[in-house]
Amino acid sequence: MNVTLTAGGILVGLAPLVWYGVRWAKTNLKSKTKNWKELIPLAYGFALGILGAMCVGGLLGKLFGRVRQTSNAVGDKALGSTTGAADTAVAGAHVQPLTTGGSILVVLAFLALVAIWKKIGKDEIRMIGSGAFSGCTVGTTAGIGGTGALALVPFVNSLGDSLLHSI
């Protein structure tokens, strides 16, 4: 499900990254050793969000399409009510679609999340969900955020196709 993002959708997509980034920075920037491992759930979620947004149909495609529609609606309302700015469509990254092998890896990545769901803490679950929300929106734009999609999707396609053709 291909949904064009608006400036409000990007605003809402950036909010979780800013939230967790500021919280991480407050506890880690003054220390000599940075605990980068705390950001792994956010990065995993961000990658899942990008890959979920690249699904053209099916359950994941519809789910992430609805997430993007919701982020547009909420963000446009928030942007308009706080600053008076009008919603504007934002260009998306021109990313190649998922191949069959890439799609297999995406389903396996989501299956891995379901498998560890009960074993991880609530904070990590929130970070994964927030990262997926941000990846679905910011990770597919034509700007800096889209760099993740431009790098991740071809890698997943290549790895998945290699796996598919080696079995």
N, C-alpha and C. Protein backbone atom coordinates (compact mmCIF):
# COMPACT_ATOMS: atom_id res chain seq x y z
N MET A 1 0.85 -1.17 0.00
CA MET A 1 0.00 0.00 0.00
C MET A 1 0.89 1.23 0.00
N ASN A 2 0.89 1.97 -1.08
CA ASN A 2 1.76 3.11 -1.24
C ASN A 2 1.04 4.38 -0.79
N VAL A 3 1.51 4.99 0.28
CA VAL A 3 0.91 6.20 0.83
C VAL A 3 1.95 7.31 0.79
N THR A 4 1.62 8.42 0.14
CA THR A 4 2.52 9.56 0.09
C THR A 4 2.52 10.25 1.45
N LEU A 5 3.69 10.54 1.95
CA LEU A 5 3.81 11.20 3.24
C LEU A 5 3.67 12.71 3.10
N THR A 6 3.24 13.33 4.18
CA THR A 6 3.15 14.78 4.24
C THR A 6 4.17 15.28 5.26
N ALA A 7 4.33 16.59 5.31
CA ALA A 7 5.25 17.19 6.29
C ALA A 7 4.82 16.84 7.71
N GLY A 8 3.52 16.80 7.95
CA GLY A 8 3.03 16.41 9.28
C GLY A 8 3.37 14.97 9.61
N GLY A 9 3.29 14.09 8.62
CA GLY A 9 3.65 12.70 8.84
C GLY A 9 5.12 12.55 9.20
N ILE A 10 5.97 13.37 8.57
CA ILE A 10 7.39 13.36 8.89
C ILE A 10 7.62 13.88 10.31
N LEU A 11 6.87 14.94 10.68
CA LEU A 11 6.97 15.48 12.04
C LEU A 11 6.68 14.40 13.07
N VAL A 12 5.60 13.68 12.89
CA VAL A 12 5.22 12.63 13.83
C VAL A 12 6.22 11.48 13.78
N GLY A 13 6.78 11.19 12.60
CA GLY A 13 7.77 10.13 12.47
C GLY A 13 9.09 10.46 13.14
N LEU A 14 9.45 11.74 13.17
CA LEU A 14 10.69 12.16 13.83
C LEU A 14 10.56 12.22 15.35
N ALA A 15 9.35 12.40 15.83
CA ALA A 15 9.14 12.57 17.27
C ALA A 15 9.72 11.44 18.11
N PRO A 16 9.48 10.15 17.80
CA PRO A 16 10.08 9.10 18.63
C PRO A 16 11.61 9.09 18.59
N LEU A 17 12.19 9.41 17.42
CA LEU A 17 13.65 9.44 17.33
C LEU A 17 14.22 10.54 18.21
N VAL A 18 13.57 11.69 18.21
CA VAL A 18 14.01 12.79 19.07
C VAL A 18 13.82 12.41 20.53
N TRP A 19 12.68 11.83 20.86
CA TRP A 19 12.38 11.44 22.25
C TRP A 19 13.45 10.51 22.80
N TYR A 20 13.69 9.41 22.10
CA TYR A 20 14.67 8.44 22.59
C TYR A 20 16.10 8.95 22.44
N GLY A 21 16.36 9.73 21.41
CA GLY A 21 17.70 10.28 21.24
C GLY A 21 18.09 11.23 22.35
N VAL A 22 17.16 12.09 22.75
CA VAL A 22 17.43 13.03 23.84
C VAL A 22 17.59 12.29 25.16
N ARG A 23 16.75 11.30 25.40
CA ARG A 23 16.85 10.53 26.65
C ARG A 23 18.17 9.77 26.72
N TRP A 24 18.58 9.19 25.59
CA TRP A 24 19.86 8.48 25.56
C TRP A 24 21.01 9.46 25.76
N ALA A 25 20.95 10.59 25.09
CA ALA A 25 22.03 11.58 25.19
C ALA A 25 22.17 12.12 26.60
N LYS A 26 21.05 12.32 27.29
CA LYS A 26 21.11 12.85 28.65
C LYS A 26 21.88 11.92 29.58
N THR A 27 21.72 10.64 29.40
CA THR A 27 22.40 9.69 30.28
C THR A 27 23.79 9.30 29.79
N ASN A 28 24.09 9.47 28.52
CA ASN A 28 25.34 8.93 27.97
C ASN A 28 26.37 9.96 27.52
N LEU A 29 25.97 11.15 27.20
CA LEU A 29 26.93 12.09 26.65
C LEU A 29 27.98 12.55 27.65
N LYS A 30 27.63 12.61 28.91
CA LYS A 30 28.60 13.06 29.91
C LYS A 30 29.53 11.94 30.38
N SER A 31 29.12 10.70 30.16
CA SER A 31 29.96 9.59 30.60
C SER A 31 31.07 9.33 29.57
N LYS A 32 32.15 8.76 30.05
CA LYS A 32 33.28 8.48 29.16
C LYS A 32 32.99 7.31 28.23
N THR A 33 32.20 6.37 28.69
CA THR A 33 31.84 5.23 27.86
C THR A 33 30.37 5.36 27.48
N LYS A 34 30.11 5.37 26.22
CA LYS A 34 28.74 5.48 25.72
C LYS A 34 28.14 4.09 25.60
N ASN A 35 26.92 3.93 26.07
CA ASN A 35 26.24 2.64 25.98
C ASN A 35 25.38 2.61 24.72
N TRP A 36 26.02 2.32 23.61
CA TRP A 36 25.33 2.30 22.32
C TRP A 36 24.34 1.15 22.22
N LYS A 37 24.55 0.10 23.03
CA LYS A 37 23.66 -1.06 22.97
C LYS A 37 22.23 -0.72 23.37
N GLU A 38 22.05 0.36 24.11
CA GLU A 38 20.69 0.78 24.49
C GLU A 38 19.86 1.17 23.29
N LEU A 39 20.50 1.53 22.20
CA LEU A 39 19.79 1.98 21.00
C LEU A 39 19.48 0.85 20.02
N ILE A 40 19.92 -0.37 20.31
CA ILE A 40 19.69 -1.50 19.40
C ILE A 40 18.20 -1.74 19.15
N PRO A 41 17.33 -1.75 20.18
CA PRO A 41 15.91 -1.96 19.88
C PRO A 41 15.32 -0.89 18.97
N LEU A 42 15.75 0.35 19.14
CA LEU A 42 15.26 1.44 18.29
C LEU A 42 15.73 1.24 16.84
N ALA A 43 16.99 0.85 16.67
CA ALA A 43 17.53 0.61 15.33
C ALA A 43 16.86 -0.60 14.67
N TYR A 44 16.62 -1.66 15.45
CA TYR A 44 15.94 -2.85 14.92
C TYR A 44 14.53 -2.48 14.46
N GLY A 45 13.83 -1.72 15.29
CA GLY A 45 12.50 -1.27 14.92
C GLY A 45 12.51 -0.38 13.70
N PHE A 46 13.50 0.51 13.61
CA PHE A 46 13.62 1.40 12.46
C PHE A 46 13.79 0.58 11.18
N ALA A 47 14.65 -0.42 11.24
CA ALA A 47 14.87 -1.28 10.06
C ALA A 47 13.59 -2.05 9.71
N LEU A 48 12.89 -2.55 10.72
CA LEU A 48 11.63 -3.25 10.46
C LEU A 48 10.60 -2.31 9.84
N GLY A 49 10.59 -1.07 10.29
CA GLY A 49 9.66 -0.09 9.73
C GLY A 49 9.94 0.19 8.26
N ILE A 50 11.21 0.35 7.93
CA ILE A 50 11.58 0.57 6.53
C ILE A 50 11.16 -0.62 5.68
N LEU A 51 11.49 -1.81 6.14
CA LEU A 51 11.18 -3.01 5.37
C LEU A 51 9.68 -3.25 5.29
N GLY A 52 8.95 -2.96 6.37
CA GLY A 52 7.50 -3.09 6.35
C GLY A 52 6.86 -2.12 5.36
N ALA A 53 7.41 -0.91 5.28
CA ALA A 53 6.88 0.08 4.35
C ALA A 53 7.17 -0.30 2.91
N MET A 54 8.18 -1.12 2.68
CA MET A 54 8.52 -1.53 1.32
C MET A 54 7.65 -2.69 0.84
N CYS A 55 6.84 -3.26 1.73
CA CYS A 55 5.92 -4.32 1.32
C CYS A 55 4.78 -3.69 0.53
N VAL A 56 4.54 -4.18 -0.67
CA VAL A 56 3.55 -3.56 -1.55
C VAL A 56 2.13 -4.02 -1.26
N GLY A 57 1.97 -5.08 -0.53
CA GLY A 57 0.63 -5.59 -0.23
C GLY A 57 0.68 -6.56 0.92
N GLY A 58 -0.35 -7.32 1.05
CA GLY A 58 -0.42 -8.31 2.12
C GLY A 58 -0.64 -7.64 3.47
N LEU A 59 -0.53 -8.42 4.50
CA LEU A 59 -0.77 -7.93 5.86
C LEU A 59 0.20 -6.83 6.25
N LEU A 60 1.50 -7.03 6.02
CA LEU A 60 2.48 -6.01 6.39
C LEU A 60 2.32 -4.74 5.56
N GLY A 61 2.06 -4.88 4.28
CA GLY A 61 1.86 -3.71 3.42
C GLY A 61 0.66 -2.88 3.86
N LYS A 62 -0.43 -3.55 4.20
CA LYS A 62 -1.62 -2.83 4.65
C LYS A 62 -1.40 -2.19 6.02
N LEU A 63 -0.75 -2.93 6.91
CA LEU A 63 -0.49 -2.41 8.26
C LEU A 63 0.37 -1.15 8.20
N PHE A 64 1.47 -1.21 7.49
CA PHE A 64 2.36 -0.06 7.43
C PHE A 64 1.78 1.07 6.58
N GLY A 65 0.92 0.75 5.62
CA GLY A 65 0.20 1.79 4.89
C GLY A 65 -0.74 2.56 5.81
N ARG A 66 -1.41 1.83 6.69
CA ARG A 66 -2.31 2.48 7.67
C ARG A 66 -1.51 3.32 8.66
N VAL A 67 -0.35 2.83 9.05
CA VAL A 67 0.51 3.61 9.96
C VAL A 67 0.88 4.92 9.31
N ARG A 68 1.24 4.88 8.05
CA ARG A 68 1.62 6.11 7.34
C ARG A 68 0.43 7.05 7.19
N GLN A 69 -0.76 6.51 6.90
CA GLN A 69 -1.96 7.35 6.82
C GLN A 69 -2.25 8.02 8.15
N THR A 70 -2.12 7.25 9.23
CA THR A 70 -2.37 7.80 10.56
C THR A 70 -1.34 8.86 10.92
N SER A 71 -0.07 8.61 10.60
CA SER A 71 0.95 9.61 10.92
C SER A 71 0.70 10.89 10.14
N ASN A 72 0.23 10.78 8.90
CA ASN A 72 -0.11 11.97 8.12
C ASN A 72 -1.24 12.75 8.79
N ALA A 73 -2.30 12.05 9.17
CA ALA A 73 -3.46 12.72 9.75
C ALA A 73 -3.11 13.40 11.07
N VAL A 74 -2.44 12.66 11.96
CA VAL A 74 -2.08 13.21 13.27
C VAL A 74 -1.07 14.33 13.10
N GLY A 75 -0.07 14.13 12.27
CA GLY A 75 0.97 15.13 12.07
C GLY A 75 0.46 16.40 11.41
N ASP A 76 -0.43 16.25 10.42
CA ASP A 76 -0.99 17.44 9.78
C ASP A 76 -1.79 18.26 10.78
N LYS A 77 -2.54 17.58 11.63
CA LYS A 77 -3.31 18.28 12.67
C LYS A 77 -2.37 18.97 13.66
N ALA A 78 -1.33 18.26 14.10
CA ALA A 78 -0.38 18.83 15.06
C ALA A 78 0.40 19.98 14.45
N LEU A 79 0.84 19.84 13.23
CA LEU A 79 1.61 20.90 12.57
C LEU A 79 0.75 22.13 12.34
N GLY A 80 -0.47 21.92 11.89
CA GLY A 80 -1.37 23.04 11.64
C GLY A 80 -1.80 23.76 12.91
N SER A 81 -2.05 23.00 13.97
CA SER A 81 -2.53 23.63 15.21
C SER A 81 -1.40 24.28 16.01
N THR A 82 -0.18 23.81 15.87
CA THR A 82 0.92 24.41 16.65
C THR A 82 1.61 25.55 15.91
N THR A 83 1.72 25.44 14.59
CA THR A 83 2.46 26.47 13.86
C THR A 83 1.63 27.17 12.79
N GLY A 84 0.50 26.60 12.42
CA GLY A 84 -0.31 27.17 11.36
C GLY A 84 0.16 26.79 9.97
N ALA A 85 1.18 25.95 9.88
CA ALA A 85 1.72 25.53 8.59
C ALA A 85 0.76 24.56 7.91
N ALA A 86 0.70 24.63 6.61
CA ALA A 86 -0.16 23.73 5.84
C ALA A 86 0.59 22.43 5.54
N ASP A 87 -0.18 21.38 5.36
CA ASP A 87 0.44 20.10 5.03
C ASP A 87 0.93 20.13 3.59
N THR A 88 2.08 19.53 3.39
CA THR A 88 2.72 19.48 2.08
C THR A 88 3.19 18.06 1.83
N ALA A 89 2.97 17.57 0.64
CA ALA A 89 3.46 16.23 0.31
C ALA A 89 4.98 16.24 0.26
N VAL A 90 5.58 15.17 0.76
CA VAL A 90 7.03 15.04 0.82
C VAL A 90 7.44 13.95 -0.17
N ALA A 91 8.50 14.20 -0.88
CA ALA A 91 8.99 13.22 -1.87
C ALA A 91 9.48 11.96 -1.17
N GLY A 92 9.21 10.83 -1.77
CA GLY A 92 9.68 9.57 -1.24
C GLY A 92 10.95 9.11 -1.92
N ALA A 93 11.68 8.24 -1.28
CA ALA A 93 12.90 7.69 -1.87
C ALA A 93 12.52 6.73 -2.98
N HIS A 94 13.31 6.72 -4.03
CA HIS A 94 13.07 5.79 -5.12
C HIS A 94 13.86 4.52 -4.84
N VAL A 95 13.23 3.64 -4.10
CA VAL A 95 13.87 2.41 -3.65
C VAL A 95 13.30 1.25 -4.46
N GLN A 96 14.16 0.34 -4.85
CA GLN A 96 13.68 -0.83 -5.57
C GLN A 96 12.76 -1.64 -4.65
N PRO A 97 11.74 -2.26 -5.19
CA PRO A 97 10.83 -3.05 -4.35
C PRO A 97 11.50 -4.31 -3.83
N LEU A 98 10.89 -4.90 -2.84
CA LEU A 98 11.40 -6.15 -2.29
C LEU A 98 11.24 -7.27 -3.31
N THR A 99 12.26 -8.08 -3.43
CA THR A 99 12.18 -9.27 -4.28
C THR A 99 11.57 -10.39 -3.44
N THR A 100 11.38 -11.53 -4.05
CA THR A 100 10.82 -12.67 -3.31
C THR A 100 11.75 -13.06 -2.16
N GLY A 101 13.04 -13.11 -2.42
CA GLY A 101 13.99 -13.45 -1.36
C GLY A 101 14.01 -12.40 -0.26
N GLY A 102 13.96 -11.12 -0.65
CA GLY A 102 13.90 -10.04 0.33
C GLY A 102 12.64 -10.12 1.17
N SER A 103 11.53 -10.45 0.54
CA SER A 103 10.26 -10.59 1.25
C SER A 103 10.32 -11.72 2.27
N ILE A 104 11.01 -12.80 1.92
CA ILE A 104 11.16 -13.91 2.86
C ILE A 104 11.92 -13.45 4.10
N LEU A 105 13.00 -12.68 3.90
CA LEU A 105 13.77 -12.18 5.04
C LEU A 105 12.96 -11.21 5.90
N VAL A 106 12.12 -10.40 5.27
CA VAL A 106 11.27 -9.48 6.04
C VAL A 106 10.31 -10.25 6.93
N VAL A 107 9.69 -11.27 6.38
CA VAL A 107 8.77 -12.09 7.19
C VAL A 107 9.54 -12.78 8.32
N LEU A 108 10.74 -13.27 8.05
CA LEU A 108 11.55 -13.90 9.09
C LEU A 108 11.96 -12.91 10.17
N ALA A 109 12.26 -11.66 9.79
CA ALA A 109 12.61 -10.63 10.78
C ALA A 109 11.43 -10.33 11.70
N PHE A 110 10.23 -10.27 11.13
CA PHE A 110 9.04 -10.06 11.97
C PHE A 110 8.73 -11.29 12.80
N LEU A 111 8.98 -12.47 12.26
CA LEU A 111 8.79 -13.70 13.02
C LEU A 111 9.76 -13.76 14.20
N ALA A 112 10.99 -13.31 14.00
CA ALA A 112 11.98 -13.26 15.08
C ALA A 112 11.49 -12.34 16.20
N LEU A 113 10.88 -11.24 15.83
CA LEU A 113 10.35 -10.32 16.84
C LEU A 113 9.22 -10.98 17.62
N VAL A 114 8.34 -11.68 16.94
CA VAL A 114 7.26 -12.38 17.62
C VAL A 114 7.82 -13.46 18.55
N ALA A 115 8.88 -14.12 18.13
CA ALA A 115 9.48 -15.19 18.93
C ALA A 115 10.08 -14.68 20.23
N ILE A 116 10.64 -13.47 20.23
CA ILE A 116 11.28 -12.95 21.44
C ILE A 116 10.40 -11.97 22.21
N TRP A 117 9.17 -11.77 21.75
CA TRP A 117 8.27 -10.77 22.33
C TRP A 117 8.14 -10.90 23.84
N LYS A 118 7.91 -12.10 24.34
CA LYS A 118 7.71 -12.32 25.79
C LYS A 118 9.01 -12.24 26.58
N LYS A 119 10.15 -12.34 25.92
CA LYS A 119 11.44 -12.37 26.60
C LYS A 119 12.06 -10.99 26.78
N ILE A 120 11.55 -9.99 26.07
CA ILE A 120 12.13 -8.66 26.17
C ILE A 120 11.26 -7.77 27.05
N GLY A 121 11.86 -6.75 27.59
CA GLY A 121 11.16 -5.86 28.50
C GLY A 121 10.24 -4.88 27.79
N LYS A 122 9.38 -4.25 28.60
CA LYS A 122 8.42 -3.29 28.05
C LYS A 122 9.10 -2.10 27.41
N ASP A 123 10.21 -1.65 27.99
CA ASP A 123 10.92 -0.51 27.41
C ASP A 123 11.47 -0.85 26.03
N GLU A 124 12.00 -2.06 25.87
CA GLU A 124 12.52 -2.47 24.57
C GLU A 124 11.39 -2.62 23.56
N ILE A 125 10.24 -3.12 24.00
CA ILE A 125 9.08 -3.25 23.11
C ILE A 125 8.64 -1.87 22.62
N ARG A 126 8.61 -0.91 23.54
CA ARG A 126 8.23 0.46 23.15
C ARG A 126 9.25 1.05 22.17
N MET A 127 10.51 0.78 22.41
CA MET A 127 11.54 1.31 21.51
C MET A 127 11.44 0.67 20.13
N ILE A 128 11.18 -0.62 20.07
CA ILE A 128 11.04 -1.30 18.77
C ILE A 128 9.82 -0.75 18.04
N GLY A 129 8.72 -0.60 18.75
CA GLY A 129 7.51 -0.05 18.13
C GLY A 129 7.72 1.38 17.65
N SER A 130 8.37 2.20 18.46
CA SER A 130 8.64 3.58 18.07
C SER A 130 9.59 3.64 16.89
N GLY A 131 10.61 2.79 16.90
CA GLY A 131 11.54 2.74 15.78
C GLY A 131 10.86 2.29 14.50
N ALA A 132 9.95 1.31 14.60
CA ALA A 132 9.22 0.84 13.42
C ALA A 132 8.33 1.95 12.87
N PHE A 133 7.69 2.69 13.76
CA PHE A 133 6.86 3.81 13.35
C PHE A 133 7.70 4.85 12.62
N SER A 134 8.85 5.19 13.19
CA SER A 134 9.74 6.18 12.56
C SER A 134 10.31 5.66 11.25
N GLY A 135 10.72 4.40 11.21
CA GLY A 135 11.27 3.83 9.99
C GLY A 135 10.26 3.81 8.86
N CYS A 136 9.01 3.55 9.20
CA CYS A 136 7.93 3.51 8.22
C CYS A 136 7.70 4.88 7.59
N THR A 137 7.94 5.94 8.36
CA THR A 137 7.70 7.29 7.85
C THR A 137 9.00 7.93 7.38
N VAL A 138 9.88 8.23 8.29
CA VAL A 138 11.11 8.95 7.97
C VAL A 138 12.05 8.12 7.11
N GLY A 139 12.08 6.83 7.32
CA GLY A 139 13.02 5.96 6.62
C GLY A 139 12.75 5.78 5.16
N THR A 140 11.63 6.28 4.66
CA THR A 140 11.31 6.10 3.24
C THR A 140 11.22 7.42 2.49
N THR A 141 11.68 8.50 3.11
CA THR A 141 11.66 9.80 2.43
C THR A 141 12.86 9.92 1.49
N ALA A 142 12.84 10.97 0.68
CA ALA A 142 13.93 11.16 -0.28
C ALA A 142 15.15 11.82 0.35
N GLY A 143 15.04 12.26 1.59
CA GLY A 143 16.15 12.96 2.23
C GLY A 143 17.08 12.02 2.96
N ILE A 144 17.65 12.52 4.03
CA ILE A 144 18.63 11.76 4.81
C ILE A 144 18.02 10.47 5.35
N GLY A 145 16.76 10.54 5.80
CA GLY A 145 16.10 9.35 6.32
C GLY A 145 16.00 8.23 5.31
N GLY A 146 15.81 8.59 4.04
CA GLY A 146 15.70 7.59 2.99
C GLY A 146 16.99 6.88 2.67
N THR A 147 18.10 7.40 3.17
CA THR A 147 19.39 6.74 2.96
C THR A 147 19.37 5.33 3.55
N GLY A 148 18.65 5.17 4.68
CA GLY A 148 18.52 3.85 5.29
C GLY A 148 17.84 2.87 4.35
N ALA A 149 16.76 3.32 3.71
CA ALA A 149 16.05 2.45 2.78
C ALA A 149 16.90 2.16 1.54
N LEU A 150 17.61 3.16 1.07
CA LEU A 150 18.44 2.97 -0.12
C LEU A 150 19.58 1.99 0.12
N ALA A 151 20.02 1.86 1.36
CA ALA A 151 21.08 0.91 1.70
C ALA A 151 20.51 -0.44 2.14
N LEU A 152 19.44 -0.40 2.93
CA LEU A 152 18.91 -1.61 3.55
C LEU A 152 18.18 -2.52 2.57
N VAL A 153 17.31 -1.96 1.76
CA VAL A 153 16.48 -2.79 0.88
C VAL A 153 17.31 -3.57 -0.13
N PRO A 154 18.27 -2.98 -0.85
CA PRO A 154 19.08 -3.79 -1.75
C PRO A 154 19.88 -4.88 -1.03
N PHE A 155 20.35 -4.56 0.19
CA PHE A 155 21.09 -5.55 0.97
C PHE A 155 20.18 -6.73 1.32
N VAL A 156 18.97 -6.44 1.80
CA VAL A 156 18.02 -7.51 2.17
C VAL A 156 17.63 -8.30 0.93
N ASN A 157 17.39 -7.61 -0.19
CA ASN A 157 17.06 -8.32 -1.43
C ASN A 157 18.19 -9.25 -1.86
N SER A 158 19.41 -8.76 -1.83
CA SER A 158 20.56 -9.56 -2.23
C SER A 158 20.75 -10.78 -1.33
N LEU A 159 20.68 -10.53 -0.02
CA LEU A 159 20.84 -11.62 0.94
C LEU A 159 19.71 -12.64 0.81
N GLY A 160 18.49 -12.14 0.68
CA GLY A 160 17.34 -13.04 0.56
C GLY A 160 17.37 -13.85 -0.72
N ASP A 161 17.75 -13.21 -1.83
CA ASP A 161 17.83 -13.94 -3.09
C ASP A 161 18.94 -14.98 -3.06
N SER A 162 20.05 -14.64 -2.42
CA SER A 162 21.14 -15.61 -2.28
C SER A 162 20.67 -16.82 -1.47
N LEU A 163 19.95 -16.56 -0.39
CA LEU A 163 19.41 -17.62 0.44
C LEU A 163 18.41 -18.47 -0.34
N LEU A 164 17.54 -17.80 -1.08
CA LEU A 164 16.50 -18.49 -1.84
C LEU A 164 17.09 -19.40 -2.92
N HIS A 165 18.11 -18.91 -3.58
CA HIS A 165 18.70 -19.68 -4.68
C HIS A 165 19.71 -20.73 -4.23
N SER A 166 20.08 -20.68 -2.95
CA SER A 166 21.04 -21.68 -2.46
C SER A 166 20.35 -22.88 -1.82
N ILE A 167 19.08 -22.80 -1.65
CA ILE A 167 18.36 -23.92 -1.00
C ILE A 167 17.81 -24.86 -2.05
